[in-house]
């Protein structure tokens, strides 16, 4: 996922959706999907990738990757998904811990995908 984004081959959001689709479908390789430390993209996306790995590990009872503790800690200002001022309160309340602790504020269903 991160490799394709870093090379400009694909934008972050579609790449994340593909990763999540694969993660949810391939039950036996979930741990493997989050184990490898990704290359750096930028402060927001690095924090987002680390939060995704930690959150998925917690939700699915997997080992939290060690790299997620140090990767993506460069965010200095809060990032609110969606960019709407009026939505900030909802995002602060709903954002999962793995995101909040990295100053990322997303909806509670930010990682949900349509069921296949």
PDB file of N, CA and C in Angstrom:
ATOM      1  N   UNK A   1       0.820  -1.187   0.000  1.00  0.00           N
ATOM      2  CA  UNK A   1       0.000   0.000   0.000  1.00  0.00           C
ATOM      3  C   UNK A   1       0.868   1.257   0.000  1.00  0.00           C
ATOM      4  N   UNK A   2       1.730   1.382   0.999  1.00  0.00           N
ATOM      5  CA  UNK A   2       2.554   2.584   1.140  1.00  0.00           C
ATOM      6  C   UNK A   2       3.523   2.734  -0.024  1.00  0.00           C
ATOM      7  N   UNK A   3       4.036   1.634  -0.527  1.00  0.00           N
ATOM      8  CA  UNK A   3       4.963   1.696  -1.658  1.00  0.00           C
ATOM      9  C   UNK A   3       4.293   2.349  -2.861  1.00  0.00           C
ATOM     10  N   UNK A   4       3.063   1.929  -3.162  1.00  0.00           N
ATOM     11  CA  UNK A   4       2.344   2.490  -4.317  1.00  0.00           C
ATOM     12  C   UNK A   4       2.053   3.976  -4.123  1.00  0.00           C
ATOM     13  N   UNK A   5       1.778   4.359  -2.900  1.00  0.00           N
ATOM     14  CA  UNK A   5       1.519   5.775  -2.606  1.00  0.00           C
ATOM     15  C   UNK A   5       2.811   6.572  -2.734  1.00  0.00           C
ATOM     16  N   UNK A   6       3.891   6.043  -2.178  1.00  0.00           N
ATOM     17  CA  UNK A   6       5.181   6.728  -2.200  1.00  0.00           C
ATOM     18  C   UNK A   6       5.730   6.951  -3.598  1.00  0.00           C
ATOM     19  N   UNK A   7       5.437   6.018  -4.510  1.00  0.00           N
ATOM     20  CA  UNK A   7       5.922   6.153  -5.884  1.00  0.00           C
ATOM     21  C   UNK A   7       4.974   6.974  -6.760  1.00  0.00           C
ATOM     22  N   UNK A   8       3.838   7.365  -6.193  1.00  0.00           N
ATOM     23  CA  UNK A   8       2.867   8.134  -6.962  1.00  0.00           C
ATOM     24  C   UNK A   8       1.978   7.279  -7.833  1.00  0.00           C
ATOM     25  N   UNK A   9       2.112   5.965  -7.706  1.00  0.00           N
ATOM     26  CA  UNK A   9       1.330   5.027  -8.504  1.00  0.00           C
ATOM     27  C   UNK A   9      -0.156   5.082  -8.134  1.00  0.00           C
ATOM     28  N   UNK A  10      -0.435   5.365  -6.863  1.00  0.00           N
ATOM     29  CA  UNK A  10      -1.816   5.374  -6.395  1.00  0.00           C
ATOM     30  C   UNK A  10      -1.961   6.388  -5.259  1.00  0.00           C
ATOM     31  N   UNK A  11      -3.114   6.994  -5.143  1.00  0.00           N
ATOM     32  CA  UNK A  11      -3.393   7.917  -4.038  1.00  0.00           C
ATOM     33  C   UNK A  11      -3.625   7.118  -2.757  1.00  0.00           C
ATOM     34  N   UNK A  12      -3.498   7.799  -1.608  1.00  0.00           N
ATOM     35  CA  UNK A  12      -3.572   7.124  -0.312  1.00  0.00           C
ATOM     36  C   UNK A  12      -4.929   6.466  -0.058  1.00  0.00           C
ATOM     37  N   UNK A  13      -6.021   7.185  -0.255  1.00  0.00           N
ATOM     38  CA  UNK A  13      -7.344   6.653   0.097  1.00  0.00           C
ATOM     39  C   UNK A  13      -7.702   5.368  -0.650  1.00  0.00           C
ATOM     40  N   UNK A  14      -7.565   5.308  -1.974  1.00  0.00           N
ATOM     41  CA  UNK A  14      -7.877   4.047  -2.656  1.00  0.00           C
ATOM     42  C   UNK A  14      -6.930   2.920  -2.250  1.00  0.00           C
ATOM     43  N   UNK A  15      -5.691   3.268  -1.983  1.00  0.00           N
ATOM     44  CA  UNK A  15      -4.725   2.265  -1.556  1.00  0.00           C
ATOM     45  C   UNK A  15      -5.112   1.700  -0.188  1.00  0.00           C
ATOM     46  N   UNK A  16      -5.537   2.565   0.718  1.00  0.00           N
ATOM     47  CA  UNK A  16      -5.987   2.118   2.038  1.00  0.00           C
ATOM     48  C   UNK A  16      -7.219   1.230   1.905  1.00  0.00           C
ATOM     49  N   UNK A  17      -8.159   1.611   1.068  1.00  0.00           N
ATOM     50  CA  UNK A  17      -9.363   0.789   0.872  1.00  0.00           C
ATOM     51  C   UNK A  17      -9.004  -0.599   0.359  1.00  0.00           C
ATOM     52  N   UNK A  18      -8.076  -0.688  -0.582  1.00  0.00           N
ATOM     53  CA  UNK A  18      -7.639  -1.994  -1.086  1.00  0.00           C
ATOM     54  C   UNK A  18      -6.988  -2.813   0.019  1.00  0.00           C
ATOM     55  N   UNK A  19      -6.138  -2.163   0.825  1.00  0.00           N
ATOM     56  CA  UNK A  19      -5.498  -2.855   1.944  1.00  0.00           C
ATOM     57  C   UNK A  19      -6.551  -3.403   2.904  1.00  0.00           C
ATOM     58  N   UNK A  20      -7.522  -2.573   3.270  1.00  0.00           N
ATOM     59  CA  UNK A  20      -8.561  -3.004   4.206  1.00  0.00           C
ATOM     60  C   UNK A  20      -9.388  -4.146   3.633  1.00  0.00           C
ATOM     61  N   UNK A  21      -9.750  -4.071   2.368  1.00  0.00           N
ATOM     62  CA  UNK A  21     -10.497  -5.162   1.737  1.00  0.00           C
ATOM     63  C   UNK A  21      -9.725  -6.465   1.852  1.00  0.00           C
ATOM     64  N   UNK A  22      -8.445  -6.417   1.546  1.00  0.00           N
ATOM     65  CA  UNK A  22      -7.598  -7.604   1.624  1.00  0.00           C
ATOM     66  C   UNK A  22      -7.465  -8.083   3.068  1.00  0.00           C
ATOM     67  N   UNK A  23      -7.262  -7.172   4.001  1.00  0.00           N
ATOM     68  CA  UNK A  23      -7.114  -7.516   5.414  1.00  0.00           C
ATOM     69  C   UNK A  23      -8.356  -8.238   5.925  1.00  0.00           C
ATOM     70  N   UNK A  24      -9.521  -7.708   5.636  1.00  0.00           N
ATOM     71  CA  UNK A  24     -10.758  -8.288   6.153  1.00  0.00           C
ATOM     72  C   UNK A  24     -11.063  -9.651   5.539  1.00  0.00           C
ATOM     73  N   UNK A  25     -10.726  -9.847   4.281  1.00  0.00           N
ATOM     74  CA  UNK A  25     -11.026 -11.106   3.594  1.00  0.00           C
ATOM     75  C   UNK A  25     -10.027 -12.206   3.952  1.00  0.00           C
ATOM     76  N   UNK A  26      -8.761 -11.863   4.081  1.00  0.00           N
ATOM     77  CA  UNK A  26      -7.700 -12.854   4.311  1.00  0.00           C
ATOM     78  C   UNK A  26      -7.415 -13.022   5.803  1.00  0.00           C
ATOM     79  N   UNK A  27      -8.294 -13.724   6.464  1.00  0.00           N
ATOM     80  CA  UNK A  27      -8.246 -13.885   7.918  1.00  0.00           C
ATOM     81  C   UNK A  27      -6.918 -14.462   8.393  1.00  0.00           C
ATOM     82  N   UNK A  28      -6.386 -15.431   7.688  1.00  0.00           N
ATOM     83  CA  UNK A  28      -5.165 -16.117   8.129  1.00  0.00           C
ATOM     84  C   UNK A  28      -3.888 -15.315   7.926  1.00  0.00           C
ATOM     85  N   UNK A  29      -3.957 -14.222   7.210  1.00  0.00           N
ATOM     86  CA  UNK A  29      -2.737 -13.432   6.991  1.00  0.00           C
ATOM     87  C   UNK A  29      -2.851 -12.011   7.553  1.00  0.00           C
ATOM     88  N   UNK A  30      -3.754 -11.819   8.484  1.00  0.00           N
ATOM     89  CA  UNK A  30      -3.945 -10.479   9.055  1.00  0.00           C
ATOM     90  C   UNK A  30      -2.703  -9.983   9.790  1.00  0.00           C
ATOM     91  N   UNK A  31      -2.113 -10.834  10.616  1.00  0.00           N
ATOM     92  CA  UNK A  31      -0.923 -10.399  11.353  1.00  0.00           C
ATOM     93  C   UNK A  31       0.192 -10.035  10.388  1.00  0.00           C
ATOM     94  N   UNK A  32       0.374 -10.863   9.399  1.00  0.00           N
ATOM     95  CA  UNK A  32       1.416 -10.622   8.398  1.00  0.00           C
ATOM     96  C   UNK A  32       1.174  -9.301   7.656  1.00  0.00           C
ATOM     97  N   UNK A  33      -0.081  -8.956   7.453  1.00  0.00           N
ATOM     98  CA  UNK A  33      -0.426  -7.734   6.716  1.00  0.00           C
ATOM     99  C   UNK A  33       0.012  -6.463   7.440  1.00  0.00           C
ATOM    100  N   UNK A  34       0.108  -6.516   8.774  1.00  0.00           N
ATOM    101  CA  UNK A  34       0.464  -5.314   9.531  1.00  0.00           C
ATOM    102  C   UNK A  34       1.866  -5.366  10.128  1.00  0.00           C
ATOM    103  N   UNK A  35       2.555  -6.486   9.995  1.00  0.00           N
ATOM    104  CA  UNK A  35       3.855  -6.660  10.657  1.00  0.00           C
ATOM    105  C   UNK A  35       4.993  -5.813  10.095  1.00  0.00           C
ATOM    106  N   UNK A  36       5.044  -5.637   8.797  1.00  0.00           N
ATOM    107  CA  UNK A  36       6.198  -4.978   8.180  1.00  0.00           C
ATOM    108  C   UNK A  36       6.121  -3.457   8.297  1.00  0.00           C
ATOM    109  N   UNK A  37       7.214  -2.867   8.756  1.00  0.00           N
ATOM    110  CA  UNK A  37       7.286  -1.406   8.880  1.00  0.00           C
ATOM    111  C   UNK A  37       7.238  -0.779   7.487  1.00  0.00           C
ATOM    112  N   UNK A  38       6.314   0.152   7.265  1.00  0.00           N
ATOM    113  CA  UNK A  38       6.217   0.791   5.951  1.00  0.00           C
ATOM    114  C   UNK A  38       7.239   1.914   5.788  1.00  0.00           C
ATOM    115  N   UNK A  39       7.475   2.267   4.553  1.00  0.00           N
ATOM    116  CA  UNK A  39       8.316   3.436   4.270  1.00  0.00           C
ATOM    117  C   UNK A  39       7.545   4.688   4.674  1.00  0.00           C
ATOM    118  N   UNK A  40       8.263   5.762   4.868  1.00  0.00           N
ATOM    119  CA  UNK A  40       7.642   7.023   5.262  1.00  0.00           C
ATOM    120  C   UNK A  40       7.037   7.724   4.046  1.00  0.00           C
ATOM    121  N   UNK A  41       5.885   8.361   4.258  1.00  0.00           N
ATOM    122  CA  UNK A  41       5.227   9.141   3.203  1.00  0.00           C
ATOM    123  C   UNK A  41       5.273  10.621   3.582  1.00  0.00           C
ATOM    124  N   UNK A  42       4.559  10.974   4.624  1.00  0.00           N
ATOM    125  CA  UNK A  42       4.543  12.324   5.201  1.00  0.00           C
ATOM    126  C   UNK A  42       3.939  12.194   6.596  1.00  0.00           C
ATOM    127  N   UNK A  43       3.947  13.257   7.367  1.00  0.00           N
ATOM    128  CA  UNK A  43       3.545  13.183   8.777  1.00  0.00           C
ATOM    129  C   UNK A  43       2.122  12.654   8.969  1.00  0.00           C
ATOM    130  N   UNK A  44       1.171  13.166   8.220  1.00  0.00           N
ATOM    131  CA  UNK A  44      -0.222  12.737   8.392  1.00  0.00           C
ATOM    132  C   UNK A  44      -0.400  11.285   7.984  1.00  0.00           C
ATOM    133  N   UNK A  45       0.101  10.913   6.819  1.00  0.00           N
ATOM    134  CA  UNK A  45      -0.096   9.545   6.341  1.00  0.00           C
ATOM    135  C   UNK A  45       0.699   8.529   7.157  1.00  0.00           C
ATOM    136  N   UNK A  46       1.882   8.898   7.614  1.00  0.00           N
ATOM    137  CA  UNK A  46       2.652   7.996   8.481  1.00  0.00           C
ATOM    138  C   UNK A  46       1.885   7.725   9.774  1.00  0.00           C
ATOM    139  N   UNK A  47       1.335   8.774  10.367  1.00  0.00           N
ATOM    140  CA  UNK A  47       0.545   8.613  11.592  1.00  0.00           C
ATOM    141  C   UNK A  47      -0.697   7.767  11.320  1.00  0.00           C
ATOM    142  N   UNK A  48      -1.311   7.978  10.179  1.00  0.00           N
ATOM    143  CA  UNK A  48      -2.527   7.242   9.832  1.00  0.00           C
ATOM    144  C   UNK A  48      -2.228   5.757   9.662  1.00  0.00           C
ATOM    145  N   UNK A  49      -1.147   5.430   8.965  1.00  0.00           N
ATOM    146  CA  UNK A  49      -0.780   4.026   8.750  1.00  0.00           C
ATOM    147  C   UNK A  49      -0.484   3.341  10.084  1.00  0.00           C
ATOM    148  N   UNK A  50       0.238   4.018  10.963  1.00  0.00           N
ATOM    149  CA  UNK A  50       0.546   3.447  12.280  1.00  0.00           C
ATOM    150  C   UNK A  50      -0.733   3.252  13.093  1.00  0.00           C
ATOM    151  N   UNK A  51      -1.637   4.217  13.036  1.00  0.00           N
ATOM    152  CA  UNK A  51      -2.905   4.107  13.758  1.00  0.00           C
ATOM    153  C   UNK A  51      -3.746   2.957  13.217  1.00  0.00           C
ATOM    154  N   UNK A  52      -3.768   2.790  11.907  1.00  0.00           N
ATOM    155  CA  UNK A  52      -4.507   1.684  11.296  1.00  0.00           C
ATOM    156  C   UNK A  52      -3.961   0.352  11.801  1.00  0.00           C
ATOM    157  N   UNK A  53      -2.644   0.190  11.776  1.00  0.00           N
ATOM    158  CA  UNK A  53      -2.039  -1.065  12.224  1.00  0.00           C
ATOM    159  C   UNK A  53      -2.369  -1.344  13.690  1.00  0.00           C
ATOM    160  N   UNK A  54      -2.210  -0.339  14.541  1.00  0.00           N
ATOM    161  CA  UNK A  54      -2.506  -0.534  15.966  1.00  0.00           C
ATOM    162  C   UNK A  54      -3.985  -0.833  16.187  1.00  0.00           C
ATOM    163  N   UNK A  55      -4.848  -0.078  15.556  1.00  0.00           N
ATOM    164  CA  UNK A  55      -6.290  -0.266  15.745  1.00  0.00           C
ATOM    165  C   UNK A  55      -6.734  -1.654  15.275  1.00  0.00           C
ATOM    166  N   UNK A  56      -6.293  -2.057  14.096  1.00  0.00           N
ATOM    167  CA  UNK A  56      -6.671  -3.379  13.593  1.00  0.00           C
ATOM    168  C   UNK A  56      -6.144  -4.483  14.506  1.00  0.00           C
ATOM    169  N   UNK A  57      -4.925  -4.321  15.005  1.00  0.00           N
ATOM    170  CA  UNK A  57      -4.364  -5.312  15.927  1.00  0.00           C
ATOM    171  C   UNK A  57      -5.230  -5.423  17.179  1.00  0.00           C
ATOM    172  N   UNK A  58      -5.626  -4.314  17.739  1.00  0.00           N
ATOM    173  CA  UNK A  58      -6.459  -4.331  18.953  1.00  0.00           C
ATOM    174  C   UNK A  58      -7.831  -4.957  18.688  1.00  0.00           C
ATOM    175  N   UNK A  59      -8.455  -4.581  17.605  1.00  0.00           N
ATOM    176  CA  UNK A  59      -9.797  -5.077  17.291  1.00  0.00           C
ATOM    177  C   UNK A  59      -9.792  -6.579  17.008  1.00  0.00           C
ATOM    178  N   UNK A  60      -8.757  -7.065  16.329  1.00  0.00           N
ATOM    179  CA  UNK A  60      -8.731  -8.467  15.914  1.00  0.00           C
ATOM    180  C   UNK A  60      -7.838  -9.344  16.783  1.00  0.00           C
ATOM    181  N   UNK A  61      -7.391  -8.837  17.920  1.00  0.00           N
ATOM    182  CA  UNK A  61      -6.607  -9.631  18.861  1.00  0.00           C
ATOM    183  C   UNK A  61      -5.249 -10.044  18.330  1.00  0.00           C
ATOM    184  N   UNK A  62      -4.641  -9.190  17.534  1.00  0.00           N
ATOM    185  CA  UNK A  62      -3.323  -9.464  16.961  1.00  0.00           C
ATOM    186  C   UNK A  62      -2.259  -8.751  17.784  1.00  0.00           C
ATOM    187  N   UNK A  63      -1.016  -9.127  17.564  1.00  0.00           N
ATOM    188  CA  UNK A  63       0.094  -8.423  18.212  1.00  0.00           C
ATOM    189  C   UNK A  63       0.232  -7.043  17.570  1.00  0.00           C
ATOM    190  N   UNK A  64       0.338  -6.028  18.400  1.00  0.00           N
ATOM    191  CA  UNK A  64       0.534  -4.669  17.884  1.00  0.00           C
ATOM    192  C   UNK A  64       1.963  -4.574  17.370  1.00  0.00           C
ATOM    193  N   UNK A  65       2.142  -4.222  16.104  1.00  0.00           N
ATOM    194  CA  UNK A  65       3.493  -4.145  15.545  1.00  0.00           C
ATOM    195  C   UNK A  65       4.353  -3.126  16.295  1.00  0.00           C
ATOM    196  N   UNK A  66       5.574  -3.512  16.613  1.00  0.00           N
ATOM    197  CA  UNK A  66       6.484  -2.606  17.327  1.00  0.00           C
ATOM    198  C   UNK A  66       6.705  -1.307  16.563  1.00  0.00           C
ATOM    199  N   UNK A  67       6.788  -1.392  15.246  1.00  0.00           N
ATOM    200  CA  UNK A  67       7.063  -0.203  14.442  1.00  0.00           C
ATOM    201  C   UNK A  67       5.984   0.862  14.618  1.00  0.00           C
ATOM    202  N   UNK A  68       4.765   0.437  14.970  1.00  0.00           N
ATOM    203  CA  UNK A  68       3.667   1.405  15.080  1.00  0.00           C
ATOM    204  C   UNK A  68       3.832   2.345  16.273  1.00  0.00           C
ATOM    205  N   UNK A  69       4.716   2.004  17.199  1.00  0.00           N
ATOM    206  CA  UNK A  69       4.968   2.878  18.346  1.00  0.00           C
ATOM    207  C   UNK A  69       5.858   4.067  17.987  1.00  0.00           C
ATOM    208  N   UNK A  70       6.682   3.916  16.967  1.00  0.00           N
ATOM    209  CA  UNK A  70       7.621   4.984  16.618  1.00  0.00           C
ATOM    210  C   UNK A  70       7.350   5.597  15.245  1.00  0.00           C
ATOM    211  N   UNK A  71       6.746   4.864  14.355  1.00  0.00           N
ATOM    212  CA  UNK A  71       6.451   5.347  13.006  1.00  0.00           C
ATOM    213  C   UNK A  71       5.254   6.295  13.077  1.00  0.00           C
ATOM    214  N   UNK A  72       5.361   7.433  12.465  1.00  0.00           N
ATOM    215  CA  UNK A  72       4.226   8.340  12.399  1.00  0.00           C
ATOM    216  C   UNK A  72       4.015   9.194  13.626  1.00  0.00           C
ATOM    217  N   UNK A  73       5.076   9.465  14.346  1.00  0.00           N
ATOM    218  CA  UNK A  73       4.952  10.319  15.529  1.00  0.00           C
ATOM    219  C   UNK A  73       5.337  11.767  15.244  1.00  0.00           C
ATOM    220  N   UNK A  74       5.371  12.148  13.975  1.00  0.00           N
ATOM    221  CA  UNK A  74       5.814  13.490  13.611  1.00  0.00           C
ATOM    222  C   UNK A  74       4.716  14.527  13.507  1.00  0.00           C
ATOM    223  N   UNK A  75       3.482  14.134  13.741  1.00  0.00           N
ATOM    224  CA  UNK A  75       2.372  15.075  13.611  1.00  0.00           C
ATOM    225  C   UNK A  75       2.360  16.036  14.798  1.00  0.00           C
ATOM    226  N   UNK A  76       2.401  17.319  14.528  1.00  0.00           N
ATOM    227  CA  UNK A  76       2.459  18.327  15.593  1.00  0.00           C
ATOM    228  C   UNK A  76       1.132  19.060  15.783  1.00  0.00           C
ATOM    229  N   UNK A  77       0.307  19.057  14.773  1.00  0.00           N
ATOM    230  CA  UNK A  77      -1.007  19.706  14.831  1.00  0.00           C
ATOM    231  C   UNK A  77      -2.076  18.639  14.620  1.00  0.00           C
ATOM    232  N   UNK A  78      -3.223  18.768  15.272  1.00  0.00           N
ATOM    233  CA  UNK A  78      -4.295  17.789  15.065  1.00  0.00           C
ATOM    234  C   UNK A  78      -4.761  17.774  13.610  1.00  0.00           C
ATOM    235  N   UNK A  79      -5.113  16.600  13.153  1.00  0.00           N
ATOM    236  CA  UNK A  79      -5.666  16.431  11.811  1.00  0.00           C
ATOM    237  C   UNK A  79      -7.097  15.926  11.960  1.00  0.00           C
ATOM    238  N   UNK A  80      -8.038  16.643  11.374  1.00  0.00           N
ATOM    239  CA  UNK A  80      -9.439  16.260  11.422  1.00  0.00           C
ATOM    240  C   UNK A  80      -9.874  15.813  10.032  1.00  0.00           C
ATOM    241  N   UNK A  81     -10.323  14.566   9.922  1.00  0.00           N
ATOM    242  CA  UNK A  81     -10.783  14.031   8.642  1.00  0.00           C
ATOM    243  C   UNK A  81     -12.014  14.800   8.181  1.00  0.00           C
ATOM    244  N   UNK A  82     -12.134  14.986   6.908  1.00  0.00           N
ATOM    245  CA  UNK A  82     -13.304  15.641   6.349  1.00  0.00           C
ATOM    246  C   UNK A  82     -13.197  17.139   6.226  1.00  0.00           C
ATOM    247  N   UNK A  83     -12.429  17.773   7.103  1.00  0.00           N
ATOM    248  CA  UNK A  83     -12.180  19.199   7.002  1.00  0.00           C
ATOM    249  C   UNK A  83     -13.324  20.125   7.381  1.00  0.00           C
ATOM    250  N   UNK A  84     -14.420  19.603   7.901  1.00  0.00           N
ATOM    251  CA  UNK A  84     -15.542  20.463   8.275  1.00  0.00           C
ATOM    252  C   UNK A  84     -15.429  20.879   9.738  1.00  0.00           C
ATOM    253  N   UNK A  85     -15.395  22.156   9.986  1.00  0.00           N
ATOM    254  CA  UNK A  85     -15.290  22.694  11.345  1.00  0.00           C
ATOM    255  C   UNK A  85     -16.409  22.162  12.239  1.00  0.00           C
ATOM    256  N   UNK A  86     -17.616  22.095  11.716  1.00  0.00           N
ATOM    257  CA  UNK A  86     -18.778  21.677  12.503  1.00  0.00           C
ATOM    258  C   UNK A  86     -18.737  20.199  12.895  1.00  0.00           C
ATOM    259  N   UNK A  87     -17.885  19.432  12.268  1.00  0.00           N
ATOM    260  CA  UNK A  87     -17.812  17.986  12.508  1.00  0.00           C
ATOM    261  C   UNK A  87     -16.722  17.620  13.521  1.00  0.00           C
ATOM    262  N   UNK A  88     -15.913  18.578  13.923  1.00  0.00           N
ATOM    263  CA  UNK A  88     -14.771  18.297  14.798  1.00  0.00           C
ATOM    264  C   UNK A  88     -15.177  17.658  16.121  1.00  0.00           C
ATOM    265  N   UNK A  89     -16.235  18.134  16.736  1.00  0.00           N
ATOM    266  CA  UNK A  89     -16.686  17.573  18.009  1.00  0.00           C
ATOM    267  C   UNK A  89     -17.033  16.103  17.899  1.00  0.00           C
ATOM    268  N   UNK A  90     -17.694  15.734  16.818  1.00  0.00           N
ATOM    269  CA  UNK A  90     -18.054  14.330  16.583  1.00  0.00           C
ATOM    270  C   UNK A  90     -16.794  13.493  16.413  1.00  0.00           C
ATOM    271  N   UNK A  91     -15.840  14.000  15.647  1.00  0.00           N
ATOM    272  CA  UNK A  91     -14.608  13.251  15.406  1.00  0.00           C
ATOM    273  C   UNK A  91     -13.795  13.072  16.685  1.00  0.00           C
ATOM    274  N   UNK A  92     -13.741  14.089  17.519  1.00  0.00           N
ATOM    275  CA  UNK A  92     -13.024  13.976  18.792  1.00  0.00           C
ATOM    276  C   UNK A  92     -13.669  12.892  19.649  1.00  0.00           C
ATOM    277  N   UNK A  93     -14.987  12.865  19.689  1.00  0.00           N
ATOM    278  CA  UNK A  93     -15.705  11.886  20.507  1.00  0.00           C
ATOM    279  C   UNK A  93     -15.596  10.471  19.949  1.00  0.00           C
ATOM    280  N   UNK A  94     -15.650  10.324  18.634  1.00  0.00           N
ATOM    281  CA  UNK A  94     -15.701   9.001  18.013  1.00  0.00           C
ATOM    282  C   UNK A  94     -14.348   8.381  17.713  1.00  0.00           C
ATOM    283  N   UNK A  95     -13.345   9.160  17.549  1.00  0.00           N
ATOM    284  CA  UNK A  95     -12.051   8.671  17.074  1.00  0.00           C
ATOM    285  C   UNK A  95     -11.489   7.569  17.974  1.00  0.00           C
ATOM    286  N   UNK A  96     -11.120   6.419  17.393  1.00  0.00           N
ATOM    287  CA  UNK A  96     -10.526   5.345  18.192  1.00  0.00           C
ATOM    288  C   UNK A  96      -9.206   5.795  18.828  1.00  0.00           C
ATOM    289  N   UNK A  97      -8.862   5.190  19.940  1.00  0.00           N
ATOM    290  CA  UNK A  97      -7.674   5.557  20.709  1.00  0.00           C
ATOM    291  C   UNK A  97      -6.403   5.569  19.871  1.00  0.00           C
ATOM    292  N   UNK A  98      -6.214   4.572  19.025  1.00  0.00           N
ATOM    293  CA  UNK A  98      -4.997   4.487  18.208  1.00  0.00           C
ATOM    294  C   UNK A  98      -4.829   5.721  17.330  1.00  0.00           C
ATOM    295  N   UNK A  99      -5.919   6.315  16.925  1.00  0.00           N
ATOM    296  CA  UNK A  99      -5.877   7.527  16.105  1.00  0.00           C
ATOM    297  C   UNK A  99      -5.719   8.766  16.985  1.00  0.00           C
ATOM    298  N   UNK A 100      -6.535   8.836  18.028  1.00  0.00           N
ATOM    299  CA  UNK A 100      -6.517  10.010  18.907  1.00  0.00           C
ATOM    300  C   UNK A 100      -5.138  10.278  19.485  1.00  0.00           C
ATOM    301  N   UNK A 101      -4.452   9.229  19.902  1.00  0.00           N
ATOM    302  CA  UNK A 101      -3.144   9.431  20.537  1.00  0.00           C
ATOM    303  C   UNK A 101      -2.085   9.927  19.558  1.00  0.00           C
ATOM    304  N   UNK A 102      -2.406   9.883  18.273  1.00  0.00           N
ATOM    305  CA  UNK A 102      -1.514  10.408  17.231  1.00  0.00           C
ATOM    306  C   UNK A 102      -2.021  11.736  16.670  1.00  0.00           C
ATOM    307  N   UNK A 103      -2.986  12.334  17.344  1.00  0.00           N
ATOM    308  CA  UNK A 103      -3.602  13.606  16.935  1.00  0.00           C
ATOM    309  C   UNK A 103      -4.396  13.493  15.638  1.00  0.00           C
ATOM    310  N   UNK A 104      -4.882  12.300  15.345  1.00  0.00           N
ATOM    311  CA  UNK A 104      -5.737  12.071  14.188  1.00  0.00           C
ATOM    312  C   UNK A 104      -7.164  11.896  14.691  1.00  0.00           C
ATOM    313  N   UNK A 105      -8.083  12.594  14.094  1.00  0.00           N
ATOM    314  CA  UNK A 105      -9.471  12.505  14.523  1.00  0.00           C
ATOM    315  C   UNK A 105     -10.321  12.085  13.332  1.00  0.00           C
ATOM    316  N   UNK A 106     -10.856  10.879  13.443  1.00  0.00           N
ATOM    317  CA  UNK A 106     -11.608  10.250  12.355  1.00  0.00           C
ATOM    318  C   UNK A 106     -12.936   9.740  12.910  1.00  0.00           C
ATOM    319  N   UNK A 107     -13.834   9.374  12.034  1.00  0.00           N
ATOM    320  CA  UNK A 107     -15.108   8.812  12.483  1.00  0.00           C
ATOM    321  C   UNK A 107     -14.892   7.393  12.993  1.00  0.00           C
ATOM    322  N   UNK A 108     -15.822   6.922  13.796  1.00  0.00           N
ATOM    323  CA  UNK A 108     -15.693   5.585  14.376  1.00  0.00           C
ATOM    324  C   UNK A 108     -15.690   4.493  13.310  1.00  0.00           C
ATOM    325  N   UNK A 109     -16.240   4.773  12.160  1.00  0.00           N
ATOM    326  CA  UNK A 109     -16.278   3.766  11.098  1.00  0.00           C
ATOM    327  C   UNK A 109     -15.311   4.084   9.955  1.00  0.00           C
ATOM    328  N   UNK A 110     -14.248   4.810  10.256  1.00  0.00           N
ATOM    329  CA  UNK A 110     -13.280   5.210   9.224  1.00  0.00           C
ATOM    330  C   UNK A 110     -12.651   4.018   8.510  1.00  0.00           C
ATOM    331  N   UNK A 111     -12.564   2.878   9.185  1.00  0.00           N
ATOM    332  CA  UNK A 111     -11.933   1.703   8.581  1.00  0.00           C
ATOM    333  C   UNK A 111     -12.951   0.658   8.135  1.00  0.00           C
ATOM    334  N   UNK A 112     -14.213   1.012   8.147  1.00  0.00           N
ATOM    335  CA  UNK A 112     -15.216   0.036   7.718  1.00  0.00           C
ATOM    336  C   UNK A 112     -15.265  -0.010   6.194  1.00  0.00           C
ATOM    337  N   UNK A 113     -15.612  -1.170   5.696  1.00  0.00           N
ATOM    338  CA  UNK A 113     -15.730  -1.391   4.257  1.00  0.00           C
ATOM    339  C   UNK A 113     -17.017  -2.158   4.008  1.00  0.00           C
ATOM    340  N   UNK A 114     -17.601  -2.012   2.834  1.00  0.00           N
ATOM    341  CA  UNK A 114     -18.795  -2.807   2.526  1.00  0.00           C
ATOM    342  C   UNK A 114     -18.461  -4.289   2.615  1.00  0.00           C
ATOM    343  N   UNK A 115     -19.360  -5.058   3.148  1.00  0.00           N
ATOM    344  CA  UNK A 115     -19.142  -6.509   3.269  1.00  0.00           C
ATOM    345  C   UNK A 115     -19.334  -7.168   1.920  1.00  0.00           C
ATOM    346  N   UNK A 116     -18.449  -8.119   1.661  1.00  0.00           N
ATOM    347  CA  UNK A 116     -18.534  -8.839   0.384  1.00  0.00           C
ATOM    348  C   UNK A 116     -19.354 -10.097   0.541  1.00  0.00           C
TER     349      UNK A 116
END
